[in-house]
Amino acid sequence: MIDKFRAKFVEESLDNVHDLEEALLLLEKDKSDKEIIERIFRAMHSLKGGGAMFGFNLLSEFTHHLETLYDLVREDKIKITRGLLDITLASVDHMKMLLENEELNSPEFKAKHFDLSIQIKNYIENDSVDEVAQIEEISELKEESKNKTYYIYFEPEKDIFKDGTNPL
């Protein structure tokens, strides 16, 4: 019976994510539209709450951070920038994946989750508009220099030491 409710939650959440994506595309055109910002915040709030209720803990936790970020946007502590929209749109794609596969089975999926989480937390922690603008300028300079940063997520098996492996 609970699987039936979870399936309905996933279906409704995918609709919610689609609405979120649509609102973000509208926000790209008018970054100061408070009504669209509220719509984005409400969609994230619904995803967070429903995710927690139906056992989608990673989705709930991930969306909680996005919701916090957009709460700062609502309070005019963070401006909507190209970088913020890019991270949010990438996060929407990631939320779709979390709805399909809550377990983060592949290393690539885990790395993507970790990378997006770090980027969102960086925006939240640097909640002054000037600091966020500086971070984006640094990011653009890094892109221009063609250097890339890779985040490596390593999760060894419980029995790693039994065969003499040294994880360091």
Foldseek 3Di string as FASTA:
>chain_A
DLVVVLVVLLVVLLVLLVQLLVLLVVCVVPVPPLVSLVSNLVSLVVQLVSCVVSVLPLSNVLSVLVSLLSVLVNVVLEGDDPVVSVLVNLVSVLSNVCSVPSPLPDQVNVQSSVVSSVVSVVCNVQSHHVVVVVVVVVVVVCVVVVDDDGDGDDDDDPCCPVVPDDPD
